[in-house]
Amino acid sequence: MKLRVPPGRTGRLWLHRRLAAAERGIDLLDRKLRILRQEQERLSLLNARTEREWTTAQAEAETWILRTAALAGERALRPSPPAEITVEWAEVMGAAFPGRVQCRFPDPPDALPLTAALPPTRVACRSALEAAVRHAAAREALRVVTVEVATTTTRIRALRERWVPALQQALSQLDLVLDETERAASVQARRRMSDGPGDGRARL
């Protein structure tokens, strides 16, 4: 990495300030990463739990659908109006993801069901949809936080392995140049002092 460092002592100050900023940035990103990993672990457990709940609810709904179809035929399984899904967003360290979700279902028709199995079938299907929505939200939240963890890890690695070493190397090189310049100036000053006030004047 090639840096455009100002010359002289200004460059030394410039490098020191950027090194301090890089160290502060690493500290902040480390803190962010710890919090994100805690959230990632929580969401991973939530994702696994909602997946199990959805699988169970889906199997229950399929059982009731088959039972209703066997008792009253497929005409009893006519489509109902769509449900309304509301998503509340959450945020952790700048990463926004689906949080709480709610499903609102239309009121069932007033007509008598074609079979007694239809009401529990409707309940099972609604439960399966709610479980599916919760699992979809948990899975998306886990994906978002996992991406943020990877991005933050990459930024920390870039600072530690590229930016900070480049600044340190540039500072070391600049220190050598300044030390050599100061030594040369000191030698020249001693020579001028040792020459005396009469040296260097033309002789007649």
C-alpha atoms as a PDB file:
ATOM      1  CA  MET A   1       0.000   0.000   0.000  1.00  0.00           C
ATOM      2  CA  LYS A   2       1.536   3.298  -1.131  1.00  0.00           C
ATOM      3  CA  LEU A   3       0.880   6.302   1.078  1.00  0.00           C
ATOM      4  CA  ARG A   4       1.190   9.972   0.191  1.00  0.00           C
ATOM      5  CA  VAL A   5       2.863  11.199   3.360  1.00  0.00           C
ATOM      6  CA  PRO A   6       3.605  14.911   3.818  1.00  0.00           C
ATOM      7  CA  PRO A   7       7.343  15.611   4.101  1.00  0.00           C
ATOM      8  CA  GLY A   8       9.243  16.330   7.282  1.00  0.00           C
ATOM      9  CA  ARG A   9       7.843  16.552  10.789  1.00  0.00           C
ATOM     10  CA  THR A  10       4.397  17.286   9.365  1.00  0.00           C
ATOM     11  CA  GLY A  11       4.409  13.805   7.895  1.00  0.00           C
ATOM     12  CA  ARG A  12       5.359  12.290  11.236  1.00  0.00           C
ATOM     13  CA  LEU A  13       2.424  14.039  12.915  1.00  0.00           C
ATOM     14  CA  TRP A  14       0.153  12.970  10.034  1.00  0.00           C
ATOM     15  CA  LEU A  15       1.155   9.321  10.462  1.00  0.00           C
ATOM     16  CA  HIS A  16       0.796   9.362  14.240  1.00  0.00           C
ATOM     17  CA  ARG A  17      -2.729  10.759  13.964  1.00  0.00           C
ATOM     18  CA  ARG A  18      -3.764   8.131  11.448  1.00  0.00           C
ATOM     19  CA  LEU A  19      -2.265   5.337  13.506  1.00  0.00           C
ATOM     20  CA  ALA A  20      -4.218   6.527  16.535  1.00  0.00           C
ATOM     21  CA  ALA A  21      -7.406   6.733  14.449  1.00  0.00           C
ATOM     22  CA  ALA A  22      -6.803   3.224  13.106  1.00  0.00           C
ATOM     23  CA  GLU A  23      -6.341   1.826  16.619  1.00  0.00           C
ATOM     24  CA  ARG A  24      -9.550   3.506  17.779  1.00  0.00           C
ATOM     25  CA  GLY A  25     -11.331   2.125  14.728  1.00  0.00           C
ATOM     26  CA  ILE A  26     -10.130  -1.395  15.477  1.00  0.00           C
ATOM     27  CA  ASP A  27     -11.321  -1.106  19.084  1.00  0.00           C
ATOM     28  CA  LEU A  28     -14.767   0.066  17.974  1.00  0.00           C
ATOM     29  CA  LEU A  29     -15.048  -2.631  15.329  1.00  0.00           C
ATOM     30  CA  ASP A  30     -13.967  -5.294  17.835  1.00  0.00           C
ATOM     31  CA  ARG A  31     -16.755  -4.172  20.168  1.00  0.00           C
ATOM     32  CA  LYS A  32     -19.232  -4.162  17.307  1.00  0.00           C
ATOM     33  CA  LEU A  33     -18.129  -7.641  16.273  1.00  0.00           C
ATOM     34  CA  ARG A  34     -18.606  -9.042  19.788  1.00  0.00           C
ATOM     35  CA  ILE A  35     -22.142  -7.670  19.955  1.00  0.00           C
ATOM     36  CA  LEU A  36     -22.960  -8.919  16.459  1.00  0.00           C
ATOM     37  CA  ARG A  37     -21.685 -12.406  17.250  1.00  0.00           C
ATOM     38  CA  GLN A  38     -23.849 -12.534  20.365  1.00  0.00           C
ATOM     39  CA  GLU A  39     -26.847 -11.538  18.258  1.00  0.00           C
ATOM     40  CA  GLN A  40     -25.845 -14.053  15.588  1.00  0.00           C
ATOM     41  CA  GLU A  41     -25.840 -16.827  18.183  1.00  0.00           C
ATOM     42  CA  ARG A  42     -29.254 -15.767  19.483  1.00  0.00           C
ATOM     43  CA  LEU A  43     -30.706 -15.626  15.983  1.00  0.00           C
ATOM     44  CA  SER A  44     -29.185 -18.995  15.111  1.00  0.00           C
ATOM     45  CA  LEU A  45     -31.026 -20.576  18.044  1.00  0.00           C
ATOM     46  CA  LEU A  46     -34.200 -18.708  17.087  1.00  0.00           C
ATOM     47  CA  ASN A  47     -33.886 -19.868  13.481  1.00  0.00           C
ATOM     48  CA  ALA A  48     -33.522 -23.500  14.564  1.00  0.00           C
ATOM     49  CA  ARG A  49     -36.502 -23.260  16.912  1.00  0.00           C
ATOM     50  CA  THR A  50     -38.800 -21.570  14.410  1.00  0.00           C
ATOM     51  CA  GLU A  51     -37.812 -24.135  11.778  1.00  0.00           C
ATOM     52  CA  ARG A  52     -38.878 -26.966  14.087  1.00  0.00           C
ATOM     53  CA  GLU A  53     -42.129 -25.169  14.887  1.00  0.00           C
ATOM     54  CA  TRP A  54     -42.846 -24.595  11.209  1.00  0.00           C
ATOM     55  CA  THR A  55     -42.114 -28.230  10.306  1.00  0.00           C
ATOM     56  CA  THR A  56     -44.456 -29.448  13.050  1.00  0.00           C
ATOM     57  CA  ALA A  57     -47.207 -26.975  12.131  1.00  0.00           C
ATOM     58  CA  GLN A  58     -46.906 -27.790   8.443  1.00  0.00           C
ATOM     59  CA  ALA A  59     -47.278 -31.523   9.107  1.00  0.00           C
ATOM     60  CA  GLU A  60     -50.307 -30.848  11.310  1.00  0.00           C
ATOM     61  CA  ALA A  61     -51.915 -28.683   8.643  1.00  0.00           C
ATOM     62  CA  GLU A  62     -51.314 -31.288   5.930  1.00  0.00           C
ATOM     63  CA  THR A  63     -52.929 -33.939   8.108  1.00  0.00           C
ATOM     64  CA  TRP A  64     -56.064 -31.853   8.591  1.00  0.00           C
ATOM     65  CA  ILE A  65     -56.188 -30.880   4.909  1.00  0.00           C
ATOM     66  CA  LEU A  66     -56.131 -34.536   3.883  1.00  0.00           C
ATOM     67  CA  ARG A  67     -58.779 -35.358   6.476  1.00  0.00           C
ATOM     68  CA  THR A  68     -61.080 -32.561   5.289  1.00  0.00           C
ATOM     69  CA  ALA A  69     -60.592 -33.496   1.633  1.00  0.00           C
ATOM     70  CA  ALA A  70     -61.451 -37.113   2.436  1.00  0.00           C
ATOM     71  CA  LEU A  71     -64.635 -36.136   4.313  1.00  0.00           C
ATOM     72  CA  ALA A  72     -65.996 -33.315   2.160  1.00  0.00           C
ATOM     73  CA  GLY A  73     -63.948 -33.318  -1.037  1.00  0.00           C
ATOM     74  CA  GLU A  74     -61.671 -30.664  -2.401  1.00  0.00           C
ATOM     75  CA  ARG A  75     -64.548 -28.204  -2.750  1.00  0.00           C
ATOM     76  CA  ALA A  76     -64.362 -27.727   1.015  1.00  0.00           C
ATOM     77  CA  LEU A  77     -60.797 -26.422   0.601  1.00  0.00           C
ATOM     78  CA  ARG A  78     -61.667 -23.378  -1.471  1.00  0.00           C
ATOM     79  CA  PRO A  79     -59.207 -20.445  -1.120  1.00  0.00           C
ATOM     80  CA  SER A  80     -59.886 -17.834   1.535  1.00  0.00           C
ATOM     81  CA  PRO A  81     -58.970 -14.115   1.423  1.00  0.00           C
ATOM     82  CA  PRO A  82     -55.259 -13.469   1.977  1.00  0.00           C
ATOM     83  CA  ALA A  83     -53.838 -12.799   5.397  1.00  0.00           C
ATOM     84  CA  GLU A  84     -52.193  -9.502   6.312  1.00  0.00           C
ATOM     85  CA  ILE A  85     -48.597  -9.755   7.557  1.00  0.00           C
ATOM     86  CA  THR A  86     -46.950  -6.972   9.563  1.00  0.00           C
ATOM     87  CA  VAL A  87     -43.200  -6.877  10.128  1.00  0.00           C
ATOM     88  CA  GLU A  88     -41.546  -4.833  12.864  1.00  0.00           C
ATOM     89  CA  TRP A  89     -37.872  -4.137  12.140  1.00  0.00           C
ATOM     90  CA  ALA A  90     -35.066  -4.465  14.669  1.00  0.00           C
ATOM     91  CA  GLU A  91     -31.531  -3.090  14.544  1.00  0.00           C
ATOM     92  CA  VAL A  92     -28.227  -4.088  16.143  1.00  0.00           C
ATOM     93  CA  MET A  93     -25.054  -2.071  15.530  1.00  0.00           C
ATOM     94  CA  GLY A  94     -26.393  -0.649  12.279  1.00  0.00           C
ATOM     95  CA  ALA A  95     -27.708  -3.956  10.936  1.00  0.00           C
ATOM     96  CA  ALA A  96     -31.485  -3.784  10.346  1.00  0.00           C
ATOM     97  CA  PHE A  97     -33.438  -7.035  10.094  1.00  0.00           C
ATOM     98  CA  PRO A  98     -36.989  -8.387  10.565  1.00  0.00           C
ATOM     99  CA  GLY A  99     -37.962  -8.599  14.208  1.00  0.00           C
ATOM    100  CA  ARG A 100     -41.465  -9.287  15.427  1.00  0.00           C
ATOM    101  CA  VAL A 101     -44.043 -10.395  12.855  1.00  0.00           C
ATOM    102  CA  GLN A 102     -47.820 -10.599  13.086  1.00  0.00           C
ATOM    103  CA  CYS A 103     -50.465 -12.265  10.920  1.00  0.00           C
ATOM    104  CA  ARG A 104     -54.020 -10.973  10.676  1.00  0.00           C
ATOM    105  CA  PHE A 105     -56.558 -13.302   9.164  1.00  0.00           C
ATOM    106  CA  PRO A 106     -59.940 -12.426   7.657  1.00  0.00           C
ATOM    107  CA  ASP A 107     -63.045 -13.478   9.519  1.00  0.00           C
ATOM    108  CA  PRO A 108     -64.333 -16.943   8.542  1.00  0.00           C
ATOM    109  CA  PRO A 109     -67.563 -17.129   6.540  1.00  0.00           C
ATOM    110  CA  ASP A 110     -70.825 -17.279   8.455  1.00  0.00           C
ATOM    111  CA  ALA A 111     -72.069 -20.316   6.513  1.00  0.00           C
ATOM    112  CA  LEU A 112     -71.974 -23.700   8.167  1.00  0.00           C
ATOM    113  CA  PRO A 113     -68.877 -25.746   7.244  1.00  0.00           C
ATOM    114  CA  LEU A 114     -69.267 -28.690   4.912  1.00  0.00           C
ATOM    115  CA  THR A 115     -67.647 -30.911   7.535  1.00  0.00           C
ATOM    116  CA  ALA A 116     -66.765 -30.679  11.205  1.00  0.00           C
ATOM    117  CA  ALA A 117     -63.128 -31.106  10.232  1.00  0.00           C
ATOM    118  CA  LEU A 118     -63.029 -27.768   8.428  1.00  0.00           C
ATOM    119  CA  PRO A 119     -62.706 -25.433  11.467  1.00  0.00           C
ATOM    120  CA  PRO A 120     -59.716 -27.288  12.960  1.00  0.00           C
ATOM    121  CA  THR A 121     -58.235 -27.458   9.450  1.00  0.00           C
ATOM    122  CA  ARG A 122     -58.517 -23.688   9.191  1.00  0.00           C
ATOM    123  CA  VAL A 123     -56.859 -23.286  12.603  1.00  0.00           C
ATOM    124  CA  ALA A 124     -54.037 -25.660  11.647  1.00  0.00           C
ATOM    125  CA  CYS A 125     -53.412 -23.865   8.362  1.00  0.00           C
ATOM    126  CA  ARG A 126     -53.309 -20.494  10.077  1.00  0.00           C
ATOM    127  CA  SER A 127     -50.889 -21.838  12.670  1.00  0.00           C
ATOM    128  CA  ALA A 128     -48.705 -23.204   9.880  1.00  0.00           C
ATOM    129  CA  LEU A 129     -48.699 -19.838   8.113  1.00  0.00           C
ATOM    130  CA  GLU A 130     -47.798 -18.004  11.314  1.00  0.00           C
ATOM    131  CA  ALA A 131     -44.985 -20.469  11.955  1.00  0.00           C
ATOM    132  CA  ALA A 132     -43.743 -20.077   8.378  1.00  0.00           C
ATOM    133  CA  VAL A 133     -43.726 -16.282   8.675  1.00  0.00           C
ATOM    134  CA  ARG A 134     -41.844 -16.387  11.980  1.00  0.00           C
ATOM    135  CA  HIS A 135     -39.278 -18.763  10.518  1.00  0.00           C
ATOM    136  CA  ALA A 136     -38.846 -16.637   7.380  1.00  0.00           C
ATOM    137  CA  ALA A 137     -38.232 -13.558   9.531  1.00  0.00           C
ATOM    138  CA  ALA A 138     -35.758 -15.407  11.766  1.00  0.00           C
ATOM    139  CA  ARG A 139     -33.891 -16.821   8.780  1.00  0.00           C
ATOM    140  CA  GLU A 140     -33.617 -13.414   7.105  1.00  0.00           C
ATOM    141  CA  ALA A 141     -32.488 -11.806  10.367  1.00  0.00           C
ATOM    142  CA  LEU A 142     -29.790 -14.445  10.742  1.00  0.00           C
ATOM    143  CA  ARG A 143     -28.655 -13.882   7.150  1.00  0.00           C
ATOM    144  CA  VAL A 144     -28.391 -10.106   7.615  1.00  0.00           C
ATOM    145  CA  VAL A 145     -26.430 -10.356  10.854  1.00  0.00           C
ATOM    146  CA  THR A 146     -24.154 -13.062   9.415  1.00  0.00           C
ATOM    147  CA  VAL A 147     -23.314 -10.806   6.463  1.00  0.00           C
ATOM    148  CA  GLU A 148     -22.605  -7.930   8.862  1.00  0.00           C
ATOM    149  CA  VAL A 149     -20.332 -10.168  10.943  1.00  0.00           C
ATOM    150  CA  ALA A 150     -18.373 -11.126   7.820  1.00  0.00           C
ATOM    151  CA  THR A 151     -18.123  -7.505   6.654  1.00  0.00           C
ATOM    152  CA  THR A 152     -16.942  -6.286  10.049  1.00  0.00           C
ATOM    153  CA  THR A 153     -14.390  -9.098  10.277  1.00  0.00           C
ATOM    154  CA  THR A 154     -13.024  -8.145   6.849  1.00  0.00           C
ATOM    155  CA  ARG A 155     -12.709  -4.489   7.864  1.00  0.00           C
ATOM    156  CA  ILE A 156     -10.844  -5.391  11.052  1.00  0.00           C
ATOM    157  CA  ARG A 157      -8.491  -7.665   9.123  1.00  0.00           C
ATOM    158  CA  ALA A 158      -7.832  -4.942   6.549  1.00  0.00           C
ATOM    159  CA  LEU A 159      -6.979  -2.441   9.272  1.00  0.00           C
ATOM    160  CA  ARG A 160      -4.762  -4.829  11.222  1.00  0.00           C
ATOM    161  CA  GLU A 161      -3.013  -6.543   8.331  1.00  0.00           C
ATOM    162  CA  ARG A 162      -2.756  -3.758   5.737  1.00  0.00           C
ATOM    163  CA  TRP A 163      -3.494  -0.223   6.917  1.00  0.00           C
ATOM    164  CA  VAL A 164      -1.736  -0.252  10.309  1.00  0.00           C
ATOM    165  CA  PRO A 165       1.418  -2.041   8.999  1.00  0.00           C
ATOM    166  CA  ALA A 166       1.593   0.386   6.075  1.00  0.00           C
ATOM    167  CA  LEU A 167       1.402   3.364   8.444  1.00  0.00           C
ATOM    168  CA  GLN A 168       3.993   1.845  10.774  1.00  0.00           C
ATOM    169  CA  GLN A 169       6.383   1.144   7.903  1.00  0.00           C
ATOM    170  CA  ALA A 170       5.969   4.654   6.538  1.00  0.00           C
ATOM    171  CA  LEU A 171       6.583   6.084  10.000  1.00  0.00           C
ATOM    172  CA  SER A 172       9.747   4.017  10.443  1.00  0.00           C
ATOM    173  CA  GLN A 173      11.066   5.130   7.063  1.00  0.00           C
ATOM    174  CA  LEU A 174      10.248   8.757   7.773  1.00  0.00           C
ATOM    175  CA  ASP A 175      11.951   8.553  11.182  1.00  0.00           C
ATOM    176  CA  LEU A 176      15.129   7.268   9.512  1.00  0.00           C
ATOM    177  CA  VAL A 177      15.076  10.100   6.979  1.00  0.00           C
ATOM    178  CA  LEU A 178      14.506  12.716   9.688  1.00  0.00           C
ATOM    179  CA  ASP A 179      17.249  11.250  11.891  1.00  0.00           C
ATOM    180  CA  GLU A 180      19.734  11.294   9.001  1.00  0.00           C
ATOM    181  CA  THR A 181      18.751  14.863   8.153  1.00  0.00           C
ATOM    182  CA  GLU A 182      19.184  15.970  11.750  1.00  0.00           C
ATOM    183  CA  ARG A 183      22.566  14.233  12.048  1.00  0.00           C
ATOM    184  CA  ALA A 184      23.776  15.849   8.820  1.00  0.00           C
ATOM    185  CA  ALA A 185      22.618  19.265  10.018  1.00  0.00           C
ATOM    186  CA  SER A 186      24.344  18.725  13.364  1.00  0.00           C
ATOM    187  CA  VAL A 187      27.628  17.753  11.669  1.00  0.00           C
ATOM    188  CA  GLN A 188      27.513  20.820   9.437  1.00  0.00           C
ATOM    189  CA  ALA A 189      26.833  23.061  12.426  1.00  0.00           C
ATOM    190  CA  ARG A 190      29.827  21.642  14.322  1.00  0.00           C
ATOM    191  CA  ARG A 191      32.060  22.138  11.297  1.00  0.00           C
ATOM    192  CA  ARG A 192      31.030  25.765  10.972  1.00  0.00           C
ATOM    193  CA  MET A 193      31.769  26.330  14.631  1.00  0.00           C
ATOM    194  CA  SER A 194      35.179  24.630  14.431  1.00  0.00           C
ATOM    195  CA  ASP A 195      36.256  26.535  11.343  1.00  0.00           C
ATOM    196  CA  GLY A 196      36.366  29.830  13.224  1.00  0.00           C
ATOM    197  CA  PRO A 197      35.274  33.262  12.104  1.00  0.00           C
ATOM    198  CA  GLY A 198      38.325  33.925   9.887  1.00  0.00           C
ATOM    199  CA  ASP A 199      38.200  30.837   7.727  1.00  0.00           C
ATOM    200  CA  GLY A 200      36.680  31.024   4.326  1.00  0.00           C
ATOM    201  CA  ARG A 201      37.784  34.655   3.665  1.00  0.00           C
ATOM    202  CA  ALA A 202      39.824  35.397   0.590  1.00  0.00           C
ATOM    203  CA  ARG A 203      43.585  36.083   1.155  1.00  0.00           C
ATOM    204  CA  LEU A 204      45.442  38.966  -0.514  1.00  0.00           C
END
